[in-house]
Amino acid sequence: MDLDKIFIKDACPTKIGGQAVLEGIMMKGSDRTAVVIRLPNNKLHIKTEKLTTPNRLRRIPLLRGIFVFADALVSGTKTLLYSAEVLEKAEGEECEKDRLTIWLEKRFGEKKAFTAAMYLSVFIAVLFTVGIFIIAPTGVASLFKYISTNEVFLNISEGLFRIILFIVYVVLISKMKDIQTVFKYHGAEHKTIHCYESGLALTPENCKDFLPLHPRCGTSFLMFVMVISLFLFSLLGWPDLFWRITSRLLLIPLVAGLSYELLRWAGRSDSLIVRLLSLPGLALQKITTIEPDEPQLEVAIAAMKAVLVPADTPVYTKECESFEECVNEPDY
């Protein structure tokens, strides 16, 4: 792993980030987001939306990480659902609605039903994450009492088991064909951000020269969460199972806040300490990113250019016949 190609010396760090979705990318700029999806007919679907002005609480260190984490869950789920909806319409398919969706639409209307389904999806995702990566590891670690009752040993065992469980989960889903496509878009997102931060023209040829790893990646954020929680939870001793679970749940906001600050630091510094702290997350990114093809890079570039517009540019939704049309025509 060539860290000099990840922590690029002459690059100008930005706050631009993104997310891979189904056959596309969501890019988040300073005042707007853009979702670009490659349709089955090879056209590019683009939708931009304005970002709300953050309140003062969202600018306070530690607290802002909690808000960013919550926003990422909601907006990430919303964008994934939107990409699935766009692809279904493009393919002329209409999924059969389940009883819950039908009931929600009859009671609240289609738009509110979609919002309710989105928040329900987030709630289920949070429950799954808490159950698998918070409750299960501390429960399993109780078995290590038969090896040693040392509290430090038990906490470290719990933390290491949590990290191993997460890595195994990522490795397993990376074997799925659809996920591999998402990981290609993930790599394209990183290459495009590297290219822009390096001051080069946003072309597929220029983007190809960069590595698909980036120090500000959400994958690195999750690894920071795992590592920080290992050390933080170790300070709490080893109470009974109920209090262990309760303490871990109560400390999630603090862990998220600390992890976000560390991620911001990693994004704007190339010091030796930052490089060492970033190694676990970068190693995991080698699983969650795949070298993209030119079509994925085109989508990433189109998404990037859609957020690099003057603040007074109106938002829009459109379809482009080709990549060249998307990046050369006016954005509205």
C-alpha atoms as a PDB file:
ATOM      1  CA  MET A   1       0.000   0.000   0.000  1.00  0.00           C
ATOM      2  CA  ASP A   2       1.647   3.224  -1.212  1.00  0.00           C
ATOM      3  CA  LEU A   3       0.547   5.803   1.381  1.00  0.00           C
ATOM      4  CA  ASP A   4       2.104   8.660  -0.621  1.00  0.00           C
ATOM      5  CA  LYS A   5      -0.555   8.018  -3.292  1.00  0.00           C
ATOM      6  CA  ILE A   6      -3.320   8.162  -0.676  1.00  0.00           C
ATOM      7  CA  PHE A   7      -2.082  11.083   1.432  1.00  0.00           C
ATOM      8  CA  ILE A   8      -1.129  13.149  -1.612  1.00  0.00           C
ATOM      9  CA  LYS A   9       1.346  15.850  -0.578  1.00  0.00           C
ATOM     10  CA  ASP A  10       0.316  18.645  -2.969  1.00  0.00           C
ATOM     11  CA  ALA A  11      -3.414  17.912  -2.842  1.00  0.00           C
ATOM     12  CA  CYS A  12      -5.890  20.477  -1.505  1.00  0.00           C
ATOM     13  CA  PRO A  13      -8.257  18.600   0.869  1.00  0.00           C
ATOM     14  CA  THR A  14     -11.974  19.347   0.573  1.00  0.00           C
ATOM     15  CA  LYS A  15     -15.105  18.289   2.434  1.00  0.00           C
ATOM     16  CA  ILE A  16     -16.642  16.733  -0.683  1.00  0.00           C
ATOM     17  CA  GLY A  17     -17.720  13.158  -0.081  1.00  0.00           C
ATOM     18  CA  GLY A  18     -19.954  10.578  -1.601  1.00  0.00           C
ATOM     19  CA  GLN A  19     -21.685   7.248  -1.438  1.00  0.00           C
ATOM     20  CA  ALA A  20     -21.981   4.427  -3.912  1.00  0.00           C
ATOM     21  CA  VAL A  21     -25.574   3.399  -4.675  1.00  0.00           C
ATOM     22  CA  LEU A  22     -27.193   0.938  -7.072  1.00  0.00           C
ATOM     23  CA  GLU A  23     -25.531   1.556 -10.462  1.00  0.00           C
ATOM     24  CA  GLY A  24     -24.495   5.020  -9.405  1.00  0.00           C
ATOM     25  CA  ILE A  25     -23.022   7.528  -7.001  1.00  0.00           C
ATOM     26  CA  MET A  26     -24.290  10.218  -4.680  1.00  0.00           C
ATOM     27  CA  MET A  27     -21.853  13.118  -4.314  1.00  0.00           C
ATOM     28  CA  LYS A  28     -22.196  15.741  -1.572  1.00  0.00           C
ATOM     29  CA  GLY A  29     -20.754  19.191  -2.156  1.00  0.00           C
ATOM     30  CA  SER A  30     -20.772  22.398  -0.134  1.00  0.00           C
ATOM     31  CA  ASP A  31     -24.393  23.348  -0.805  1.00  0.00           C
ATOM     32  CA  ARG A  32     -26.001  20.449  -2.686  1.00  0.00           C
ATOM     33  CA  THR A  33     -26.007  16.727  -3.380  1.00  0.00           C
ATOM     34  CA  ALA A  34     -26.123  15.015  -6.758  1.00  0.00           C
ATOM     35  CA  VAL A  35     -27.195  11.464  -7.531  1.00  0.00           C
ATOM     36  CA  VAL A  36     -26.095  10.051 -10.878  1.00  0.00           C
ATOM     37  CA  ILE A  37     -27.354   6.620 -11.958  1.00  0.00           C
ATOM     38  CA  ARG A  38     -26.419   4.725 -15.094  1.00  0.00           C
ATOM     39  CA  LEU A  39     -29.618   3.344 -16.587  1.00  0.00           C
ATOM     40  CA  PRO A  40     -29.888  -0.012 -18.417  1.00  0.00           C
ATOM     41  CA  ASN A  41     -29.999   1.861 -21.749  1.00  0.00           C
ATOM     42  CA  ASN A  42     -26.679   3.522 -20.810  1.00  0.00           C
ATOM     43  CA  LYS A  43     -28.239   6.951 -20.281  1.00  0.00           C
ATOM     44  CA  LEU A  44     -27.304   8.883 -17.142  1.00  0.00           C
ATOM     45  CA  HIS A  45     -30.037   9.935 -14.716  1.00  0.00           C
ATOM     46  CA  ILE A  46     -29.090  12.988 -12.619  1.00  0.00           C
ATOM     47  CA  LYS A  47     -30.890  14.535  -9.678  1.00  0.00           C
ATOM     48  CA  THR A  48     -29.564  17.401  -7.552  1.00  0.00           C
ATOM     49  CA  GLU A  49     -30.921  18.659  -4.228  1.00  0.00           C
ATOM     50  CA  LYS A  50     -30.034  21.617  -2.029  1.00  0.00           C
ATOM     51  CA  LEU A  51     -28.571  21.012   1.415  1.00  0.00           C
ATOM     52  CA  THR A  52     -30.120  22.717   4.426  1.00  0.00           C
ATOM     53  CA  THR A  53     -27.965  25.236   6.280  1.00  0.00           C
ATOM     54  CA  PRO A  54     -26.471  23.508   9.343  1.00  0.00           C
ATOM     55  CA  ASN A  55     -27.371  24.963  12.728  1.00  0.00           C
ATOM     56  CA  ARG A  56     -24.772  25.934  15.317  1.00  0.00           C
ATOM     57  CA  LEU A  57     -24.905  22.598  17.121  1.00  0.00           C
ATOM     58  CA  ARG A  58     -23.768  20.870  13.936  1.00  0.00           C
ATOM     59  CA  ARG A  59     -20.562  22.913  13.988  1.00  0.00           C
ATOM     60  CA  ILE A  60     -19.450  22.008  17.520  1.00  0.00           C
ATOM     61  CA  PRO A  61     -16.653  19.410  17.656  1.00  0.00           C
ATOM     62  CA  LEU A  62     -17.823  15.946  18.842  1.00  0.00           C
ATOM     63  CA  LEU A  63     -21.489  16.966  18.520  1.00  0.00           C
ATOM     64  CA  ARG A  64     -21.177  17.468  14.767  1.00  0.00           C
ATOM     65  CA  GLY A  65     -19.995  13.872  14.393  1.00  0.00           C
ATOM     66  CA  ILE A  66     -23.217  12.624  15.979  1.00  0.00           C
ATOM     67  CA  PHE A  67     -25.323  14.672  13.562  1.00  0.00           C
ATOM     68  CA  VAL A  68     -23.246  13.561  10.567  1.00  0.00           C
ATOM     69  CA  PHE A  69     -23.609   9.916  11.617  1.00  0.00           C
ATOM     70  CA  ALA A  70     -27.406  10.233  11.966  1.00  0.00           C
ATOM     71  CA  ASP A  71     -27.720  12.140   8.690  1.00  0.00           C
ATOM     72  CA  ALA A  72     -25.634   9.533   6.896  1.00  0.00           C
ATOM     73  CA  LEU A  73     -27.986   6.769   8.030  1.00  0.00           C
ATOM     74  CA  VAL A  74     -31.110   8.599   6.850  1.00  0.00           C
ATOM     75  CA  SER A  75     -29.778  10.164   3.644  1.00  0.00           C
ATOM     76  CA  GLY A  76     -27.863   6.988   2.745  1.00  0.00           C
ATOM     77  CA  THR A  77     -31.003   4.870   3.025  1.00  0.00           C
ATOM     78  CA  LYS A  78     -33.049   7.457   1.134  1.00  0.00           C
ATOM     79  CA  THR A  79     -30.525   7.564  -1.710  1.00  0.00           C
ATOM     80  CA  LEU A  80     -30.335   3.782  -1.966  1.00  0.00           C
ATOM     81  CA  LEU A  81     -34.126   3.542  -2.147  1.00  0.00           C
ATOM     82  CA  TYR A  82     -34.192   6.303  -4.763  1.00  0.00           C
ATOM     83  CA  SER A  83     -31.625   4.540  -6.950  1.00  0.00           C
ATOM     84  CA  ALA A  84     -33.624   1.315  -6.736  1.00  0.00           C
ATOM     85  CA  GLU A  85     -36.808   3.185  -7.708  1.00  0.00           C
ATOM     86  CA  VAL A  86     -35.138   4.854 -10.711  1.00  0.00           C
ATOM     87  CA  LEU A  87     -33.746   1.547 -11.984  1.00  0.00           C
ATOM     88  CA  GLU A  88     -37.090  -0.216 -11.567  1.00  0.00           C
ATOM     89  CA  LYS A  89     -38.863   2.450 -13.616  1.00  0.00           C
ATOM     90  CA  ALA A  90     -36.150   2.364 -16.284  1.00  0.00           C
ATOM     91  CA  GLU A  91     -36.457  -1.405 -16.586  1.00  0.00           C
ATOM     92  CA  GLY A  92     -40.242  -1.180 -16.780  1.00  0.00           C
ATOM     93  CA  GLU A  93     -40.612  -3.283 -13.674  1.00  0.00           C
ATOM     94  CA  GLU A  94     -42.955  -2.668 -10.810  1.00  0.00           C
ATOM     95  CA  CYS A  95     -42.353  -4.645  -7.652  1.00  0.00           C
ATOM     96  CA  GLU A  96     -45.374  -6.175  -5.990  1.00  0.00           C
ATOM     97  CA  LYS A  97     -46.192  -4.161  -2.890  1.00  0.00           C
ATOM     98  CA  ASP A  98     -46.372  -5.948   0.432  1.00  0.00           C
ATOM     99  CA  ARG A  99     -49.290  -5.587   2.849  1.00  0.00           C
ATOM    100  CA  LEU A 100     -47.465  -3.088   5.056  1.00  0.00           C
ATOM    101  CA  THR A 101     -46.712  -0.771   2.111  1.00  0.00           C
ATOM    102  CA  ILE A 102     -50.312  -0.978   0.865  1.00  0.00           C
ATOM    103  CA  TRP A 103     -51.616  -0.193   4.368  1.00  0.00           C
ATOM    104  CA  LEU A 104     -49.235   2.770   4.763  1.00  0.00           C
ATOM    105  CA  GLU A 105     -50.171   4.229   1.365  1.00  0.00           C
ATOM    106  CA  LYS A 106     -53.896   3.945   2.083  1.00  0.00           C
ATOM    107  CA  ARG A 107     -53.511   5.560   5.490  1.00  0.00           C
ATOM    108  CA  PHE A 108     -50.912   8.276   4.799  1.00  0.00           C
ATOM    109  CA  GLY A 109     -50.592   8.595   1.023  1.00  0.00           C
ATOM    110  CA  GLU A 110     -47.778   7.444  -1.251  1.00  0.00           C
ATOM    111  CA  LYS A 111     -45.255  10.178  -0.337  1.00  0.00           C
ATOM    112  CA  LYS A 112     -45.659   9.855   3.427  1.00  0.00           C
ATOM    113  CA  ALA A 113     -45.672   6.070   3.094  1.00  0.00           C
ATOM    114  CA  PHE A 114     -42.287   6.248   1.351  1.00  0.00           C
ATOM    115  CA  THR A 115     -40.929   8.432   4.164  1.00  0.00           C
ATOM    116  CA  ALA A 116     -42.294   6.034   6.775  1.00  0.00           C
ATOM    117  CA  ALA A 117     -40.775   3.056   4.948  1.00  0.00           C
ATOM    118  CA  MET A 118     -37.426   4.858   4.786  1.00  0.00           C
ATOM    119  CA  TYR A 119     -37.324   5.556   8.524  1.00  0.00           C
ATOM    120  CA  LEU A 120     -38.499   2.017   9.212  1.00  0.00           C
ATOM    121  CA  SER A 121     -35.593   0.734   7.103  1.00  0.00           C
ATOM    122  CA  VAL A 122     -33.176   2.913   9.104  1.00  0.00           C
ATOM    123  CA  PHE A 123     -34.671   1.652  12.374  1.00  0.00           C
ATOM    124  CA  ILE A 124     -34.305  -1.983  11.305  1.00  0.00           C
ATOM    125  CA  ALA A 125     -30.734  -1.336  10.113  1.00  0.00           C
ATOM    126  CA  VAL A 126     -29.852   0.240  13.471  1.00  0.00           C
ATOM    127  CA  LEU A 127     -31.394  -2.682  15.365  1.00  0.00           C
ATOM    128  CA  PHE A 128     -29.443  -5.141  13.209  1.00  0.00           C
ATOM    129  CA  THR A 129     -26.186  -3.232  13.722  1.00  0.00           C
ATOM    130  CA  VAL A 130     -26.672  -2.904  17.469  1.00  0.00           C
ATOM    131  CA  GLY A 131     -27.653  -6.555  17.818  1.00  0.00           C
ATOM    132  CA  ILE A 132     -24.825  -7.988  15.716  1.00  0.00           C
ATOM    133  CA  PHE A 133     -21.964  -5.600  16.454  1.00  0.00           C
ATOM    134  CA  ILE A 134     -22.742  -4.326  19.977  1.00  0.00           C
ATOM    135  CA  ILE A 135     -24.795  -6.861  21.924  1.00  0.00           C
ATOM    136  CA  ALA A 136     -23.493 -10.097  20.361  1.00  0.00           C
ATOM    137  CA  PRO A 137     -19.758  -9.389  20.902  1.00  0.00           C
ATOM    138  CA  THR A 138     -20.147  -8.454  24.559  1.00  0.00           C
ATOM    139  CA  GLY A 139     -22.330 -11.513  25.111  1.00  0.00           C
ATOM    140  CA  VAL A 140     -19.867 -13.854  23.416  1.00  0.00           C
ATOM    141  CA  ALA A 141     -16.955 -12.268  25.304  1.00  0.00           C
ATOM    142  CA  SER A 142     -18.569 -13.449  28.545  1.00  0.00           C
ATOM    143  CA  LEU A 143     -17.397 -16.947  27.617  1.00  0.00           C
ATOM    144  CA  PHE A 144     -13.800 -15.770  27.901  1.00  0.00           C
ATOM    145  CA  LYS A 145     -14.271 -15.626  31.680  1.00  0.00           C
ATOM    146  CA  TYR A 146     -13.417 -19.326  31.653  1.00  0.00           C
ATOM    147  CA  ILE A 147      -9.963 -18.391  30.325  1.00  0.00           C
ATOM    148  CA  SER A 148      -9.330 -15.321  32.488  1.00  0.00           C
ATOM    149  CA  THR A 149     -11.348 -12.990  34.707  1.00  0.00           C
ATOM    150  CA  ASN A 150      -9.011 -10.076  34.053  1.00  0.00           C
ATOM    151  CA  GLU A 151     -11.193  -7.104  33.036  1.00  0.00           C
ATOM    152  CA  VAL A 152      -8.691  -5.716  30.536  1.00  0.00           C
ATOM    153  CA  PHE A 153      -8.423  -9.130  28.848  1.00  0.00           C
ATOM    154  CA  LEU A 154     -12.210  -9.469  28.642  1.00  0.00           C
ATOM    155  CA  ASN A 155     -12.690  -5.992  27.157  1.00  0.00           C
ATOM    156  CA  ILE A 156      -9.916  -6.462  24.613  1.00  0.00           C
ATOM    157  CA  SER A 157     -11.389  -9.863  23.681  1.00  0.00           C
ATOM    158  CA  GLU A 158     -14.780  -8.228  23.121  1.00  0.00           C
ATOM    159  CA  GLY A 159     -13.286  -5.469  20.981  1.00  0.00           C
ATOM    160  CA  LEU A 160     -11.199  -7.830  18.871  1.00  0.00           C
ATOM    161  CA  PHE A 161     -14.177 -10.151  18.374  1.00  0.00           C
ATOM    162  CA  ARG A 162     -16.267  -7.162  17.220  1.00  0.00           C
ATOM    163  CA  ILE A 163     -13.599  -6.117  14.695  1.00  0.00           C
ATOM    164  CA  ILE A 164     -13.181  -9.673  13.386  1.00  0.00           C
ATOM    165  CA  LEU A 165     -16.955 -10.082  13.084  1.00  0.00           C
ATOM    166  CA  PHE A 166     -17.205  -6.846  11.098  1.00  0.00           C
ATOM    167  CA  ILE A 167     -14.371  -7.805   8.754  1.00  0.00           C
ATOM    168  CA  VAL A 168     -15.906 -11.246   8.147  1.00  0.00           C
ATOM    169  CA  TYR A 169     -19.252  -9.585   7.372  1.00  0.00           C
ATOM    170  CA  VAL A 170     -17.618  -7.222   4.841  1.00  0.00           C
ATOM    171  CA  VAL A 171     -15.669 -10.074   3.215  1.00  0.00           C
ATOM    172  CA  LEU A 172     -18.822 -12.195   2.875  1.00  0.00           C
ATOM    173  CA  ILE A 173     -20.945  -9.480   1.260  1.00  0.00           C
ATOM    174  CA  SER A 174     -18.046  -8.591  -1.056  1.00  0.00           C
ATOM    175  CA  LYS A 175     -18.565 -11.967  -2.752  1.00  0.00           C
ATOM    176  CA  MET A 176     -22.002 -10.893  -4.007  1.00  0.00           C
ATOM    177  CA  LYS A 177     -22.059  -9.759  -7.641  1.00  0.00           C
ATOM    178  CA  ASP A 178     -24.291  -6.722  -7.013  1.00  0.00           C
ATOM    179  CA  ILE A 179     -22.124  -5.604  -4.098  1.00  0.00           C
ATOM    180  CA  GLN A 180     -19.016  -5.899  -6.256  1.00  0.00           C
ATOM    181  CA  THR A 181     -20.595  -3.425  -8.676  1.00  0.00           C
ATOM    182  CA  VAL A 182     -21.324  -1.068  -5.774  1.00  0.00           C
ATOM    183  CA  PHE A 183     -17.692  -1.409  -4.650  1.00  0.00           C
ATOM    184  CA  LYS A 184     -16.562  -0.429  -8.168  1.00  0.00           C
ATOM    185  CA  TYR A 185     -18.592   2.757  -7.890  1.00  0.00           C
ATOM    186  CA  HIS A 186     -17.079   3.253  -4.434  1.00  0.00           C
ATOM    187  CA  GLY A 187     -13.613   3.097  -5.974  1.00  0.00           C
ATOM    188  CA  ALA A 188     -14.666   5.494  -8.752  1.00  0.00           C
ATOM    189  CA  GLU A 189     -15.914   7.972  -6.155  1.00  0.00           C
ATOM    190  CA  HIS A 190     -12.537   7.973  -4.376  1.00  0.00           C
ATOM    191  CA  LYS A 191     -10.519   8.294  -7.571  1.00  0.00           C
ATOM    192  CA  THR A 192     -12.609  11.257  -8.696  1.00  0.00           C
ATOM    193  CA  ILE A 193     -12.263  13.052  -5.362  1.00  0.00           C
ATOM    194  CA  HIS A 194      -8.499  12.458  -5.434  1.00  0.00           C
ATOM    195  CA  CYS A 195      -8.349  13.872  -8.971  1.00  0.00           C
ATOM    196  CA  TYR A 196     -10.314  16.991  -8.026  1.00  0.00           C
ATOM    197  CA  GLU A 197      -8.307  17.577  -4.828  1.00  0.00           C
ATOM    198  CA  SER A 198      -5.108  17.254  -6.875  1.00  0.00           C
ATOM    199  CA  GLY A 199      -6.220  20.086  -9.157  1.00  0.00           C
ATOM    200  CA  LEU A 200      -6.442  18.017 -12.335  1.00  0.00           C
ATOM    201  CA  ALA A 201      -9.123  18.127 -14.999  1.00  0.00           C
ATOM    202  CA  LEU A 202     -11.949  15.712 -14.235  1.00  0.00           C
ATOM    203  CA  THR A 203     -11.533  13.171 -17.018  1.00  0.00           C
ATOM    204  CA  PRO A 204     -11.597   9.361 -16.872  1.00  0.00           C
ATOM    205  CA  GLU A 205      -7.972   9.303 -18.040  1.00  0.00           C
ATOM    206  CA  ASN A 206      -6.812  11.508 -15.143  1.00  0.00           C
ATOM    207  CA  CYS A 207      -8.946   9.698 -12.552  1.00  0.00           C
ATOM    208  CA  LYS A 208      -7.521   6.308 -13.547  1.00  0.00           C
ATOM    209  CA  ASP A 209      -4.089   7.300 -12.239  1.00  0.00           C
ATOM    210  CA  PHE A 210      -5.242   7.495  -8.613  1.00  0.00           C
ATOM    211  CA  LEU A 211      -5.752   4.727  -6.066  1.00  0.00           C
ATOM    212  CA  PRO A 212      -9.342   3.811  -5.114  1.00  0.00           C
ATOM    213  CA  LEU A 213      -8.527   4.433  -1.417  1.00  0.00           C
ATOM    214  CA  HIS A 214      -9.171   7.691   0.410  1.00  0.00           C
ATOM    215  CA  PRO A 215      -8.432   8.730   4.025  1.00  0.00           C
ATOM    216  CA  ARG A 216     -11.887  10.340   4.508  1.00  0.00           C
ATOM    217  CA  CYS A 217     -13.842   7.228   3.531  1.00  0.00           C
ATOM    218  CA  GLY A 218     -16.834   6.066   5.576  1.00  0.00           C
ATOM    219  CA  THR A 219     -15.239   2.629   5.761  1.00  0.00           C
ATOM    220  CA  SER A 220     -12.343   4.183   7.675  1.00  0.00           C
ATOM    221  CA  PHE A 221     -14.890   5.930   9.908  1.00  0.00           C
ATOM    222  CA  LEU A 222     -16.411   2.562  10.834  1.00  0.00           C
ATOM    223  CA  MET A 223     -12.988   1.140  11.588  1.00  0.00           C
ATOM    224  CA  PHE A 224     -12.238   4.151  13.794  1.00  0.00           C
ATOM    225  CA  VAL A 225     -15.510   3.413  15.607  1.00  0.00           C
ATOM    226  CA  MET A 226     -14.411  -0.177  16.240  1.00  0.00           C
ATOM    227  CA  VAL A 227     -10.943   0.757  17.494  1.00  0.00           C
ATOM    228  CA  ILE A 228     -12.050   3.703  19.651  1.00  0.00           C
ATOM    229  CA  SER A 229     -14.837   1.650  21.227  1.00  0.00           C
ATOM    230  CA  LEU A 230     -12.294  -1.057  22.094  1.00  0.00           C
ATOM    231  CA  PHE A 231     -10.232   1.393  24.162  1.00  0.00           C
ATOM    232  CA  LEU A 232     -13.154   3.392  25.551  1.00  0.00           C
ATOM    233  CA  PHE A 233     -15.160   0.377  26.703  1.00  0.00           C
ATOM    234  CA  SER A 234     -12.050  -0.991  28.407  1.00  0.00           C
ATOM    235  CA  LEU A 235     -12.212   1.908  30.871  1.00  0.00           C
ATOM    236  CA  LEU A 236     -15.597   0.768  32.172  1.00  0.00           C
ATOM    237  CA  GLY A 237     -14.482  -2.467  33.806  1.00  0.00           C
ATOM    238  CA  TRP A 238     -16.562  -5.620  33.346  1.00  0.00           C
ATOM    239  CA  PRO A 239     -20.013  -5.221  34.975  1.00  0.00           C
ATOM    240  CA  ASP A 240     -22.877  -7.662  34.430  1.00  0.00           C
ATOM    241  CA  LEU A 241     -24.265  -8.170  30.910  1.00  0.00           C
ATOM    242  CA  PHE A 242     -27.174  -5.717  31.291  1.00  0.00           C
ATOM    243  CA  TRP A 243     -24.936  -2.822  32.349  1.00  0.00           C
ATOM    244  CA  ARG A 244     -22.317  -3.693  29.744  1.00  0.00           C
ATOM    245  CA  ILE A 245     -24.910  -3.466  26.969  1.00  0.00           C
ATOM    246  CA  THR A 246     -26.421  -0.288  28.453  1.00  0.00           C
ATOM    247  CA  SER A 247     -23.047   1.434  28.801  1.00  0.00           C
ATOM    248  CA  ARG A 248     -22.054   0.559  25.231  1.00  0.00           C
ATOM    249  CA  LEU A 249     -25.323   1.916  23.833  1.00  0.00           C
ATOM    250  CA  LEU A 250     -25.016   5.147  25.846  1.00  0.00           C
ATOM    251  CA  LEU A 251     -21.460   5.680  24.613  1.00  0.00           C
ATOM    252  CA  ILE A 252     -22.272   5.237  20.896  1.00  0.00           C
ATOM    253  CA  PRO A 253     -22.748   9.030  20.376  1.00  0.00           C
ATOM    254  CA  LEU A 254     -19.378   9.768  22.018  1.00  0.00           C
ATOM    255  CA  VAL A 255     -17.652   7.072  19.947  1.00  0.00           C
ATOM    256  CA  ALA A 256     -19.245   8.456  16.760  1.00  0.00           C
ATOM    257  CA  GLY A 257     -18.186  12.002  17.664  1.00  0.00           C
ATOM    258  CA  LEU A 258     -14.579  11.020  18.371  1.00  0.00           C
ATOM    259  CA  SER A 259     -14.404   8.893  15.210  1.00  0.00           C
ATOM    260  CA  TYR A 260     -15.661  11.749  13.048  1.00  0.00           C
ATOM    261  CA  GLU A 261     -13.086  14.186  14.446  1.00  0.00           C
ATOM    262  CA  LEU A 262     -10.357  11.639  13.792  1.00  0.00           C
ATOM    263  CA  LEU A 263     -11.636  11.139  10.234  1.00  0.00           C
ATOM    264  CA  ARG A 264     -11.591  14.915   9.609  1.00  0.00           C
ATOM    265  CA  TRP A 265      -8.031  15.069  10.889  1.00  0.00           C
ATOM    266  CA  ALA A 266      -7.026  12.200   8.627  1.00  0.00           C
ATOM    267  CA  GLY A 267      -8.559  14.000   5.659  1.00  0.00           C
ATOM    268  CA  ARG A 268      -6.461  17.136   6.042  1.00  0.00           C
ATOM    269  CA  SER A 269      -3.152  15.828   7.424  1.00  0.00           C
ATOM    270  CA  ASP A 270      -0.485  13.496   6.092  1.00  0.00           C
ATOM    271  CA  SER A 271       1.536  13.222   9.325  1.00  0.00           C
ATOM    272  CA  LEU A 272       3.057   9.919  10.384  1.00  0.00           C
ATOM    273  CA  ILE A 273       0.585   9.570  13.285  1.00  0.00           C
ATOM    274  CA  VAL A 274      -2.394  10.038  10.960  1.00  0.00           C
ATOM    275  CA  ARG A 275      -0.980   7.527   8.500  1.00  0.00           C
ATOM    276  CA  LEU A 276      -0.528   4.919  11.227  1.00  0.00           C
ATOM    277  CA  LEU A 277      -4.016   5.508  12.665  1.00  0.00           C
ATOM    278  CA  SER A 278      -5.527   5.266   9.168  1.00  0.00           C
ATOM    279  CA  LEU A 279      -3.907   1.941   8.262  1.00  0.00           C
ATOM    280  CA  PRO A 280      -6.716  -0.347   9.596  1.00  0.00           C
ATOM    281  CA  GLY A 281      -9.395   1.610   7.719  1.00  0.00           C
ATOM    282  CA  LEU A 282      -7.352   1.756   4.531  1.00  0.00           C
ATOM    283  CA  ALA A 283      -6.745  -1.999   4.739  1.00  0.00           C
ATOM    284  CA  LEU A 284     -10.505  -2.533   4.990  1.00  0.00           C
ATOM    285  CA  GLN A 285     -11.047  -0.222   2.020  1.00  0.00           C
ATOM    286  CA  LYS A 286      -9.044  -2.673  -0.072  1.00  0.00           C
ATOM    287  CA  ILE A 287     -12.114  -4.912   0.334  1.00  0.00           C
ATOM    288  CA  THR A 288     -14.853  -2.272  -0.023  1.00  0.00           C
ATOM    289  CA  THR A 289     -13.370  -0.662  -3.141  1.00  0.00           C
ATOM    290  CA  ILE A 290     -12.687  -2.323  -6.501  1.00  0.00           C
ATOM    291  CA  GLU A 291     -10.811  -0.844  -9.452  1.00  0.00           C
ATOM    292  CA  PRO A 292     -13.582   0.787 -11.526  1.00  0.00           C
ATOM    293  CA  ASP A 293     -14.109   0.659 -15.265  1.00  0.00           C
ATOM    294  CA  GLU A 294     -14.493   3.801 -17.367  1.00  0.00           C
ATOM    295  CA  PRO A 295     -18.341   3.787 -17.156  1.00  0.00           C
ATOM    296  CA  GLN A 296     -18.150   3.966 -13.343  1.00  0.00           C
ATOM    297  CA  LEU A 297     -15.603   6.799 -13.531  1.00  0.00           C
ATOM    298  CA  GLU A 298     -17.893   8.711 -15.899  1.00  0.00           C
ATOM    299  CA  VAL A 299     -20.748   8.457 -13.389  1.00  0.00           C
ATOM    300  CA  ALA A 300     -18.493   9.698 -10.573  1.00  0.00           C
ATOM    301  CA  ILE A 301     -17.237  12.623 -12.655  1.00  0.00           C
ATOM    302  CA  ALA A 302     -20.779  13.597 -13.656  1.00  0.00           C
ATOM    303  CA  ALA A 303     -21.806  13.555  -9.985  1.00  0.00           C
ATOM    304  CA  MET A 304     -18.783  15.628  -8.969  1.00  0.00           C
ATOM    305  CA  LYS A 305     -19.385  18.248 -11.675  1.00  0.00           C
ATOM    306  CA  ALA A 306     -23.040  18.470 -10.685  1.00  0.00           C
ATOM    307  CA  VAL A 307     -22.075  19.725  -7.204  1.00  0.00           C
ATOM    308  CA  LEU A 308     -19.266  22.010  -8.389  1.00  0.00           C
ATOM    309  CA  VAL A 309     -21.639  24.688  -9.635  1.00  0.00           C
ATOM    310  CA  PRO A 310     -22.369  28.224  -8.392  1.00  0.00           C
ATOM    311  CA  ALA A 311     -24.569  28.354  -5.283  1.00  0.00           C
ATOM    312  CA  ASP A 312     -27.392  30.084  -7.188  1.00  0.00           C
ATOM    313  CA  THR A 313     -27.677  27.261  -9.756  1.00  0.00           C
ATOM    314  CA  PRO A 314     -31.209  25.784  -9.583  1.00  0.00           C
ATOM    315  CA  VAL A 315     -31.614  22.123  -8.691  1.00  0.00           C
ATOM    316  CA  TYR A 316     -32.811  19.808 -11.440  1.00  0.00           C
ATOM    317  CA  THR A 317     -33.593  16.263 -12.511  1.00  0.00           C
ATOM    318  CA  LYS A 318     -32.720  15.146 -16.038  1.00  0.00           C
ATOM    319  CA  GLU A 319     -31.464  12.306 -18.215  1.00  0.00           C
ATOM    320  CA  CYS A 320     -28.434  12.561 -20.483  1.00  0.00           C
ATOM    321  CA  GLU A 321     -27.948  10.513 -23.602  1.00  0.00           C
ATOM    322  CA  SER A 322     -24.209  10.278 -22.955  1.00  0.00           C
ATOM    323  CA  PHE A 323     -21.447  11.205 -20.519  1.00  0.00           C
ATOM    324  CA  GLU A 324     -20.277  14.001 -22.833  1.00  0.00           C
ATOM    325  CA  GLU A 325     -23.744  15.557 -22.806  1.00  0.00           C
ATOM    326  CA  CYS A 326     -23.813  15.488 -18.984  1.00  0.00           C
ATOM    327  CA  VAL A 327     -20.500  17.250 -18.477  1.00  0.00           C
ATOM    328  CA  ASN A 328     -20.646  19.691 -21.395  1.00  0.00           C
ATOM    329  CA  GLU A 329     -24.238  20.945 -21.337  1.00  0.00           C
ATOM    330  CA  PRO A 330     -25.518  23.563 -18.859  1.00  0.00           C
ATOM    331  CA  ASP A 331     -26.684  21.966 -15.633  1.00  0.00           C
ATOM    332  CA  TYR A 332     -30.244  23.261 -15.883  1.00  0.00           C
END
